[in-house]
Amino acid sequence: MPAVGVLALQGGVAEHISILTKLGCVVKEIRTPAGLKHISALILPGGESTTLISLMNRWELIRPLRAMGEEGFPIFGTCAGAVLLSKEINEKEHEVNQDSLQLADVRAVRNFFGRQTSSFVEELTVAGLAEPFTGVFIRAPLLLPLSDEVEVLSRVKDGPVLVRQGNLWLSSFHPELTSDSRIHMLFLESHGILKGSG
């Protein structure tokens, strides 16, 4: 059974665990660098990006996570997790002084679609999926590629909301907030962690 880690410092941890368990994965909740051993992939959940990066710094996770990402380890960040994977972070109107893992050639525009009260659901066309996926957007970022190495897998009229760059996947929306496991499956299959592709 593949073991998949979920960063369990803050945010939508239980929902990701539920989806991964449904797919037959052994799930490890990651809180310290020691927990990063013996996993095949890692999920960075949604939550509050400034809080998450502060907690990651406190628990000395930033350096090992950055090294893993640079070495090709599969990491999937959703919403705030996607912001933390991005090399550039800003808001619509101004730059943001926020640390991140600096891994993906992406500019994350935080809260692009508005605050909590502007949350919405949209049916998305996703590369690799035959049927639309219901995207749940809550304080979601826009994910703007900064290089040709970033592949856009799904977009709304304003721009990209699901992208990948090699081992790194970034999602503006919350795939864990539905009962549909296909996005997680696509990520894991693309890295040979679940059977289907390799």
Protein backbone atom coordinates (compact mmCIF):
# COMPACT_ATOMS: atom_id res chain seq x y z
CA MET A 1 0.00 0.00 0.00
CA PRO A 2 1.41 3.43 -0.88
CA ALA A 3 1.90 5.83 2.02
CA VAL A 4 0.91 9.43 1.34
CA GLY A 5 1.63 12.25 3.76
CA VAL A 6 -0.71 15.13 4.57
CA LEU A 7 0.81 18.19 6.21
CA ALA A 8 -1.21 18.29 9.43
CA LEU A 9 -0.43 21.67 10.95
CA GLN A 10 -3.59 23.56 10.01
CA GLY A 11 -6.40 23.55 7.44
CA GLY A 12 -8.35 20.86 5.60
CA VAL A 13 -6.39 17.85 6.82
CA ALA A 14 -9.24 15.43 7.62
CA GLU A 15 -10.88 15.93 4.23
CA HIS A 16 -7.70 15.01 2.34
CA ILE A 17 -7.19 11.99 4.59
CA SER A 18 -10.74 10.83 3.82
CA ILE A 19 -10.19 11.04 0.04
CA LEU A 20 -6.80 9.31 0.19
CA THR A 21 -8.15 6.53 2.41
CA LYS A 22 -10.99 6.02 -0.06
CA LEU A 23 -8.34 5.51 -2.77
CA GLY A 24 -6.65 2.79 -0.71
CA CYS A 25 -3.64 4.81 0.47
CA VAL A 26 -2.00 4.54 3.84
CA VAL A 27 -2.05 8.11 5.16
CA LYS A 28 0.50 9.70 7.49
CA GLU A 29 -0.14 13.03 9.21
CA ILE A 30 3.06 15.06 8.87
CA ARG A 31 4.07 17.51 11.59
CA THR A 32 7.86 17.16 11.85
CA PRO A 33 10.79 16.47 9.51
CA ALA A 34 11.01 12.91 10.86
CA GLY A 35 7.50 12.29 9.58
CA LEU A 36 8.62 12.89 5.99
CA LYS A 37 10.37 9.52 5.88
CA HIS A 38 8.72 6.55 4.22
CA ILE A 39 6.07 8.43 2.23
CA SER A 40 5.61 8.40 -1.54
CA ALA A 41 3.89 11.79 -1.96
CA LEU A 42 2.78 14.77 0.11
CA ILE A 43 -0.36 16.91 0.20
CA LEU A 44 -0.19 20.52 1.40
CA PRO A 45 -3.79 21.34 2.36
CA GLY A 46 -5.72 24.56 2.23
CA GLY A 47 -5.92 26.78 5.29
CA GLU A 48 -4.30 30.15 5.91
CA SER A 49 -1.02 30.48 4.03
CA THR A 50 0.71 32.90 6.41
CA THR A 51 -0.21 30.72 9.40
CA LEU A 52 0.95 27.57 7.61
CA ILE A 53 4.34 28.97 6.62
CA SER A 54 4.84 30.24 10.19
CA LEU A 55 4.07 26.79 11.61
CA MET A 56 6.29 25.11 9.00
CA ASN A 57 9.12 27.40 10.05
CA ARG A 58 8.53 26.67 13.74
CA TRP A 59 8.66 22.92 13.14
CA GLU A 60 11.71 23.23 10.84
CA LEU A 61 9.89 21.80 7.84
CA ILE A 62 10.73 24.45 5.23
CA ARG A 63 14.26 23.32 4.40
CA PRO A 64 13.50 19.57 4.07
CA LEU A 65 10.31 20.20 2.08
CA ARG A 66 12.14 22.55 -0.28
CA ALA A 67 14.89 19.96 -0.78
CA MET A 68 12.36 17.19 -1.45
CA GLY A 69 10.54 19.30 -4.01
CA GLU A 70 13.78 20.22 -5.78
CA GLU A 71 14.75 16.54 -5.92
CA GLY A 72 11.52 15.58 -7.69
CA PHE A 73 9.37 14.37 -4.79
CA PRO A 74 5.61 14.53 -5.64
CA ILE A 75 3.92 17.40 -3.78
CA PHE A 76 0.33 18.58 -4.33
CA GLY A 77 -0.72 21.92 -2.82
CA THR A 78 -4.38 22.92 -2.68
CA CYS A 79 -5.44 26.57 -2.21
CA ALA A 80 -3.11 27.85 0.56
CA GLY A 81 -0.87 24.85 -0.13
CA ALA A 82 -0.59 25.99 -3.75
CA VAL A 83 0.35 29.49 -2.60
CA LEU A 84 3.15 28.00 -0.50
CA LEU A 85 4.58 26.09 -3.47
CA SER A 86 4.72 29.22 -5.65
CA LYS A 87 7.83 31.30 -6.32
CA GLU A 88 5.90 34.58 -6.36
CA ILE A 89 2.96 35.64 -4.20
CA ASN A 90 0.90 38.79 -4.46
CA GLU A 91 -2.59 40.19 -4.08
CA LYS A 92 -4.53 41.80 -6.91
CA GLU A 93 -3.46 45.28 -5.96
CA HIS A 94 -0.04 44.87 -4.36
CA GLU A 95 2.96 42.67 -3.66
CA VAL A 96 2.91 40.48 -0.55
CA ASN A 97 5.89 39.97 1.71
CA GLN A 98 5.38 36.28 2.44
CA ASP A 99 7.83 33.41 2.54
CA SER A 100 7.10 30.23 0.59
CA LEU A 101 8.79 27.01 -0.47
CA GLN A 102 9.85 28.75 -3.73
CA LEU A 103 9.44 25.59 -5.80
CA ALA A 104 6.97 26.14 -8.66
CA ASP A 105 7.39 28.71 -11.44
CA VAL A 106 4.02 30.19 -10.56
CA ARG A 107 2.75 33.57 -9.38
CA ALA A 108 -0.05 32.95 -6.89
CA VAL A 109 -2.47 35.88 -6.68
CA ARG A 110 -3.95 35.40 -3.21
CA ASN A 111 -7.70 35.80 -2.68
CA PHE A 112 -8.07 36.57 -6.39
CA PHE A 113 -11.75 35.61 -6.44
CA GLY A 114 -12.62 37.45 -3.24
CA ARG A 115 -12.93 36.70 0.45
CA GLN A 116 -14.92 33.94 2.18
CA THR A 117 -18.26 35.52 1.26
CA SER A 118 -17.31 35.31 -2.43
CA SER A 119 -16.88 31.52 -2.37
CA PHE A 120 -18.32 29.70 -5.37
CA VAL A 121 -18.59 26.34 -7.12
CA GLU A 122 -17.84 25.82 -10.81
CA GLU A 123 -17.81 22.83 -13.11
CA LEU A 124 -14.28 22.51 -14.48
CA THR A 125 -12.84 20.85 -17.55
CA VAL A 126 -9.67 19.09 -16.38
CA ALA A 127 -7.00 17.59 -18.64
CA GLY A 128 -6.99 13.85 -18.09
CA LEU A 129 -10.58 13.61 -16.84
CA ALA A 130 -13.40 12.55 -19.15
CA GLU A 131 -16.13 14.31 -17.17
CA PRO A 132 -16.19 17.77 -15.53
CA PHE A 133 -14.97 18.15 -11.96
CA THR A 134 -16.84 20.28 -9.41
CA GLY A 135 -14.38 22.88 -8.16
CA VAL A 136 -15.04 24.45 -4.74
CA PHE A 137 -13.38 27.88 -4.54
CA ILE A 138 -12.90 29.48 -1.10
CA ARG A 139 -10.60 32.53 -0.88
CA ALA A 140 -8.90 30.95 -3.87
CA PRO A 141 -5.72 32.14 -5.58
CA LEU A 142 -5.18 32.48 -9.32
CA LEU A 143 -2.14 30.49 -10.49
CA LEU A 144 -0.19 32.29 -13.21
CA PRO A 145 2.63 30.32 -14.91
CA LEU A 146 6.02 32.06 -14.97
CA SER A 147 7.66 29.59 -17.36
CA ASP A 148 6.83 27.17 -20.17
CA GLU A 149 7.55 24.30 -17.78
CA VAL A 150 4.22 24.89 -16.06
CA GLU A 151 1.34 23.00 -17.67
CA VAL A 152 -2.19 24.31 -17.21
CA LEU A 153 -4.60 21.44 -16.49
CA SER A 154 -7.73 23.51 -15.85
CA ARG A 155 -8.81 27.13 -16.05
CA VAL A 156 -11.77 29.41 -15.47
CA LYS A 157 -12.41 32.55 -17.51
CA ASP A 158 -10.02 34.56 -15.30
CA GLY A 159 -7.12 32.15 -15.75
CA PRO A 160 -5.46 28.92 -14.54
CA VAL A 161 -6.75 27.12 -11.44
CA LEU A 162 -4.96 23.75 -11.72
CA VAL A 163 -1.36 23.51 -12.91
CA ARG A 164 1.60 21.16 -12.70
CA GLN A 165 5.32 21.51 -13.10
CA GLY A 166 6.89 18.08 -13.10
CA ASN A 167 6.47 16.67 -9.61
CA LEU A 168 4.55 19.70 -8.33
CA TRP A 169 0.77 20.10 -8.61
CA LEU A 170 -1.06 23.26 -7.57
CA SER A 171 -4.82 23.71 -7.28
CA SER A 172 -6.73 26.94 -6.57
CA PHE A 173 -9.82 24.99 -5.57
CA HIS A 174 -10.46 22.37 -2.89
CA PRO A 175 -10.77 18.90 -4.49
CA GLU A 176 -11.00 17.40 -1.00
CA LEU A 177 -14.31 19.18 -0.30
CA THR A 178 -16.23 16.91 -2.66
CA SER A 179 -16.72 13.14 -2.66
CA ASP A 180 -14.97 13.03 -6.05
CA SER A 181 -11.49 11.51 -5.72
CA ARG A 182 -10.44 11.89 -9.37
CA ILE A 183 -8.04 14.84 -8.93
CA HIS A 184 -6.16 13.05 -6.14
CA MET A 185 -6.16 9.89 -8.25
CA LEU A 186 -4.80 11.78 -11.27
CA PHE A 187 -1.97 13.21 -9.17
CA LEU A 188 -1.05 9.86 -7.64
CA GLU A 189 -1.33 7.93 -10.91
CA SER A 190 0.86 10.46 -12.72
CA HIS A 191 3.67 9.56 -10.30
CA GLY A 192 3.05 5.80 -10.42
CA ILE A 193 1.84 5.77 -6.80
CA LEU A 194 -1.53 4.28 -7.74
CA LYS A 195 -2.00 1.85 -10.58
CA GLY A 196 -3.33 3.36 -13.77
CA SER A 197 -0.31 5.08 -15.23
CA GLY A 198 3.26 5.70 -14.30
